[in-house]
Amino acid sequence: MLKEEWDSVMGKLAHKPKVMVLGTFHMRNTPDIHHVEVNDLIEEHYIKKHHEMYLQVSRIGKGTEYVGIDWVRWWYQRNLIIYSNIAKLAQSSSDRILLIIGAGHAYILSQLLADSGLFEVIPVNKYLK
């Protein structure tokens, strides 16, 4: 069974479905959302800044108590699960996937999808202005 799954995944490397990731913001997680322009929500630098905040969490802890790292590990695992589910959806090179997800996921998932070599990640700001 594993060999068949491996062959299936490797066979998909020859063609790349297209994925567009749109990060959304939740009012409760971003109290200053009313100060953000709609176009900023789709700008790459804004998504990257949001991601940097998660990386800063990894610094929380004292001595060998890596509380922040434990949380970030959980966060990456959650995103890897989402990535795996997206990868299972794509069946052919003609597939098109629009992923609308919380902004905290957008940077990591775009990176995972692009780095996998299985997908062509299309910048959402190319179409939304």
C-alpha atoms as a PDB file:
ATOM      1  CA  MET A   1       0.000   0.000   0.000  1.00  0.00           C
ATOM      2  CA  LEU A   2       2.737   2.502   0.858  1.00  0.00           C
ATOM      3  CA  LYS A   3       4.562   1.851  -2.436  1.00  0.00           C
ATOM      4  CA  GLU A   4       1.377   2.621  -4.371  1.00  0.00           C
ATOM      5  CA  GLU A   5       0.902   5.884  -2.452  1.00  0.00           C
ATOM      6  CA  TRP A   6       4.575   6.794  -3.010  1.00  0.00           C
ATOM      7  CA  ASP A   7       4.290   6.129  -6.755  1.00  0.00           C
ATOM      8  CA  SER A   8       1.092   8.173  -6.908  1.00  0.00           C
ATOM      9  CA  VAL A   9       2.703  11.159  -5.186  1.00  0.00           C
ATOM     10  CA  MET A  10       5.880  10.961  -7.264  1.00  0.00           C
ATOM     11  CA  GLY A  11       3.841  10.683 -10.454  1.00  0.00           C
ATOM     12  CA  LYS A  12       2.199  14.020  -9.642  1.00  0.00           C
ATOM     13  CA  LEU A  13       5.562  15.784  -9.777  1.00  0.00           C
ATOM     14  CA  ALA A  14       5.319  15.805 -13.581  1.00  0.00           C
ATOM     15  CA  HIS A  15       2.335  18.160 -13.511  1.00  0.00           C
ATOM     16  CA  LYS A  16       1.360  20.853 -11.058  1.00  0.00           C
ATOM     17  CA  PRO A  17      -2.165  21.817 -10.066  1.00  0.00           C
ATOM     18  CA  LYS A  18      -2.561  25.505  -9.287  1.00  0.00           C
ATOM     19  CA  VAL A  19      -3.339  26.737  -5.768  1.00  0.00           C
ATOM     20  CA  MET A  20      -4.272  30.227  -4.613  1.00  0.00           C
ATOM     21  CA  VAL A  21      -4.095  30.908  -0.855  1.00  0.00           C
ATOM     22  CA  LEU A  22      -6.159  33.771   0.556  1.00  0.00           C
ATOM     23  CA  GLY A  23      -5.487  34.581   4.204  1.00  0.00           C
ATOM     24  CA  THR A  24      -8.311  36.142   6.181  1.00  0.00           C
ATOM     25  CA  PHE A  25      -8.149  37.918   9.518  1.00  0.00           C
ATOM     26  CA  HIS A  26     -10.376  37.322  12.520  1.00  0.00           C
ATOM     27  CA  MET A  27     -11.562  40.381  14.431  1.00  0.00           C
ATOM     28  CA  ARG A  28     -10.838  38.758  17.814  1.00  0.00           C
ATOM     29  CA  ASN A  29      -7.244  37.923  16.869  1.00  0.00           C
ATOM     30  CA  THR A  30      -6.483  41.298  15.303  1.00  0.00           C
ATOM     31  CA  PRO A  31      -7.947  44.045  17.481  1.00  0.00           C
ATOM     32  CA  ASP A  32      -6.650  46.808  15.193  1.00  0.00           C
ATOM     33  CA  ILE A  33      -8.266  45.324  12.083  1.00  0.00           C
ATOM     34  CA  HIS A  34     -10.182  48.560  11.469  1.00  0.00           C
ATOM     35  CA  HIS A  35      -6.823  50.266  10.800  1.00  0.00           C
ATOM     36  CA  VAL A  36      -5.946  47.847   7.999  1.00  0.00           C
ATOM     37  CA  GLU A  37      -6.861  48.572   4.400  1.00  0.00           C
ATOM     38  CA  VAL A  38      -8.512  45.732   2.477  1.00  0.00           C
ATOM     39  CA  ASN A  39      -5.649  45.652  -0.049  1.00  0.00           C
ATOM     40  CA  ASP A  40      -3.169  45.171   2.816  1.00  0.00           C
ATOM     41  CA  LEU A  41      -4.922  41.937   3.753  1.00  0.00           C
ATOM     42  CA  ILE A  42      -3.732  40.339   0.525  1.00  0.00           C
ATOM     43  CA  GLU A  43      -0.266  41.892   0.389  1.00  0.00           C
ATOM     44  CA  GLU A  44       2.581  39.456   0.880  1.00  0.00           C
ATOM     45  CA  HIS A  45       4.459  41.682   3.329  1.00  0.00           C
ATOM     46  CA  TYR A  46       1.432  41.840   5.634  1.00  0.00           C
ATOM     47  CA  ILE A  47       1.041  38.038   5.593  1.00  0.00           C
ATOM     48  CA  LYS A  48       4.789  37.678   6.287  1.00  0.00           C
ATOM     49  CA  LYS A  49       4.599  40.059   9.268  1.00  0.00           C
ATOM     50  CA  HIS A  50       1.755  37.992  10.657  1.00  0.00           C
ATOM     51  CA  HIS A  51       3.926  34.875  10.291  1.00  0.00           C
ATOM     52  CA  GLU A  52       6.848  36.572  12.052  1.00  0.00           C
ATOM     53  CA  MET A  53       4.631  37.008  15.102  1.00  0.00           C
ATOM     54  CA  TYR A  54       4.236  33.226  15.328  1.00  0.00           C
ATOM     55  CA  LEU A  55       8.001  32.761  15.130  1.00  0.00           C
ATOM     56  CA  GLN A  56       8.467  35.185  18.019  1.00  0.00           C
ATOM     57  CA  VAL A  57       6.296  32.895  20.140  1.00  0.00           C
ATOM     58  CA  SER A  58       9.054  30.263  19.901  1.00  0.00           C
ATOM     59  CA  ARG A  59      11.232  32.459  22.117  1.00  0.00           C
ATOM     60  CA  ILE A  60       8.874  32.114  25.080  1.00  0.00           C
ATOM     61  CA  GLY A  61      10.260  29.920  27.813  1.00  0.00           C
ATOM     62  CA  LYS A  62      12.950  29.719  30.441  1.00  0.00           C
ATOM     63  CA  GLY A  63      15.848  27.294  30.788  1.00  0.00           C
ATOM     64  CA  THR A  64      14.778  23.996  29.307  1.00  0.00           C
ATOM     65  CA  GLU A  65      11.063  24.832  29.435  1.00  0.00           C
ATOM     66  CA  TYR A  66      10.429  25.537  25.770  1.00  0.00           C
ATOM     67  CA  VAL A  67       6.787  26.550  26.063  1.00  0.00           C
ATOM     68  CA  GLY A  68       6.891  28.684  22.913  1.00  0.00           C
ATOM     69  CA  ILE A  69       8.650  26.028  20.876  1.00  0.00           C
ATOM     70  CA  ASP A  70       6.094  23.444  21.955  1.00  0.00           C
ATOM     71  CA  TRP A  71       3.300  25.714  20.756  1.00  0.00           C
ATOM     72  CA  VAL A  72       5.007  26.512  17.430  1.00  0.00           C
ATOM     73  CA  ARG A  73       5.642  22.787  16.882  1.00  0.00           C
ATOM     74  CA  TRP A  74       1.911  22.184  17.340  1.00  0.00           C
ATOM     75  CA  TRP A  75       1.190  25.101  14.939  1.00  0.00           C
ATOM     76  CA  TYR A  76       3.438  23.655  12.230  1.00  0.00           C
ATOM     77  CA  GLN A  77       1.951  20.191  12.718  1.00  0.00           C
ATOM     78  CA  ARG A  78      -1.525  21.674  12.255  1.00  0.00           C
ATOM     79  CA  ASN A  79      -0.396  23.344   9.018  1.00  0.00           C
ATOM     80  CA  LEU A  80       1.266  20.154   7.767  1.00  0.00           C
ATOM     81  CA  ILE A  81      -2.032  18.330   8.291  1.00  0.00           C
ATOM     82  CA  ILE A  82      -3.845  21.011   6.267  1.00  0.00           C
ATOM     83  CA  TYR A  83      -1.154  20.753   3.556  1.00  0.00           C
ATOM     84  CA  SER A  84      -1.553  16.969   3.429  1.00  0.00           C
ATOM     85  CA  ASN A  85      -5.326  17.304   3.024  1.00  0.00           C
ATOM     86  CA  ILE A  86      -4.896  19.829   0.190  1.00  0.00           C
ATOM     87  CA  ALA A  87      -2.389  17.554  -1.545  1.00  0.00           C
ATOM     88  CA  LYS A  88      -4.916  14.710  -1.406  1.00  0.00           C
ATOM     89  CA  LEU A  89      -7.525  16.904  -3.127  1.00  0.00           C
ATOM     90  CA  ALA A  90      -5.449  17.532  -6.241  1.00  0.00           C
ATOM     91  CA  GLN A  91      -6.002  14.783  -8.764  1.00  0.00           C
ATOM     92  CA  SER A  92      -4.728  16.266 -12.028  1.00  0.00           C
ATOM     93  CA  SER A  93      -2.657  19.113 -13.431  1.00  0.00           C
ATOM     94  CA  SER A  94      -5.857  20.876 -14.501  1.00  0.00           C
ATOM     95  CA  ASP A  95      -7.102  21.167 -10.907  1.00  0.00           C
ATOM     96  CA  ARG A  96      -7.489  24.640  -9.448  1.00  0.00           C
ATOM     97  CA  ILE A  97      -7.793  25.122  -5.685  1.00  0.00           C
ATOM     98  CA  LEU A  98      -8.757  28.328  -3.884  1.00  0.00           C
ATOM     99  CA  LEU A  99      -7.877  28.063  -0.210  1.00  0.00           C
ATOM    100  CA  ILE A 100      -9.531  30.652   2.022  1.00  0.00           C
ATOM    101  CA  ILE A 101      -8.008  30.300   5.461  1.00  0.00           C
ATOM    102  CA  GLY A 102      -6.917  32.316   8.475  1.00  0.00           C
ATOM    103  CA  ALA A 103      -4.028  34.668   7.749  1.00  0.00           C
ATOM    104  CA  GLY A 104      -1.787  32.922  10.264  1.00  0.00           C
ATOM    105  CA  HIS A 105      -1.843  29.850   8.037  1.00  0.00           C
ATOM    106  CA  ALA A 106      -1.361  31.638   4.701  1.00  0.00           C
ATOM    107  CA  TYR A 107       2.420  32.114   4.777  1.00  0.00           C
ATOM    108  CA  ILE A 108       3.268  28.621   6.021  1.00  0.00           C
ATOM    109  CA  LEU A 109       0.830  26.864   3.689  1.00  0.00           C
ATOM    110  CA  SER A 110       1.976  28.850   0.655  1.00  0.00           C
ATOM    111  CA  GLN A 111       5.548  27.887   1.492  1.00  0.00           C
ATOM    112  CA  LEU A 112       4.700  24.205   2.020  1.00  0.00           C
ATOM    113  CA  LEU A 113       2.682  24.028  -1.196  1.00  0.00           C
ATOM    114  CA  ALA A 114       5.393  25.720  -3.263  1.00  0.00           C
ATOM    115  CA  ASP A 115       8.310  23.838  -1.677  1.00  0.00           C
ATOM    116  CA  SER A 116       6.604  20.472  -2.207  1.00  0.00           C
ATOM    117  CA  GLY A 117       7.102  20.803  -5.955  1.00  0.00           C
ATOM    118  CA  LEU A 118       3.578  19.455  -6.427  1.00  0.00           C
ATOM    119  CA  PHE A 119       1.801  22.792  -6.863  1.00  0.00           C
ATOM    120  CA  GLU A 120       2.111  26.100  -8.611  1.00  0.00           C
ATOM    121  CA  VAL A 121       1.121  28.694  -6.024  1.00  0.00           C
ATOM    122  CA  ILE A 122      -0.572  31.681  -7.638  1.00  0.00           C
ATOM    123  CA  PRO A 123      -0.323  35.013  -5.757  1.00  0.00           C
ATOM    124  CA  VAL A 124      -3.824  36.067  -4.740  1.00  0.00           C
ATOM    125  CA  ASN A 125      -2.986  39.763  -5.144  1.00  0.00           C
ATOM    126  CA  LYS A 126      -2.577  39.119  -8.867  1.00  0.00           C
ATOM    127  CA  TYR A 127      -6.360  38.836  -9.090  1.00  0.00           C
ATOM    128  CA  LEU A 128      -7.750  40.749  -6.098  1.00  0.00           C
ATOM    129  CA  LYS A 129      -7.274  44.505  -5.808  1.00  0.00           C
END
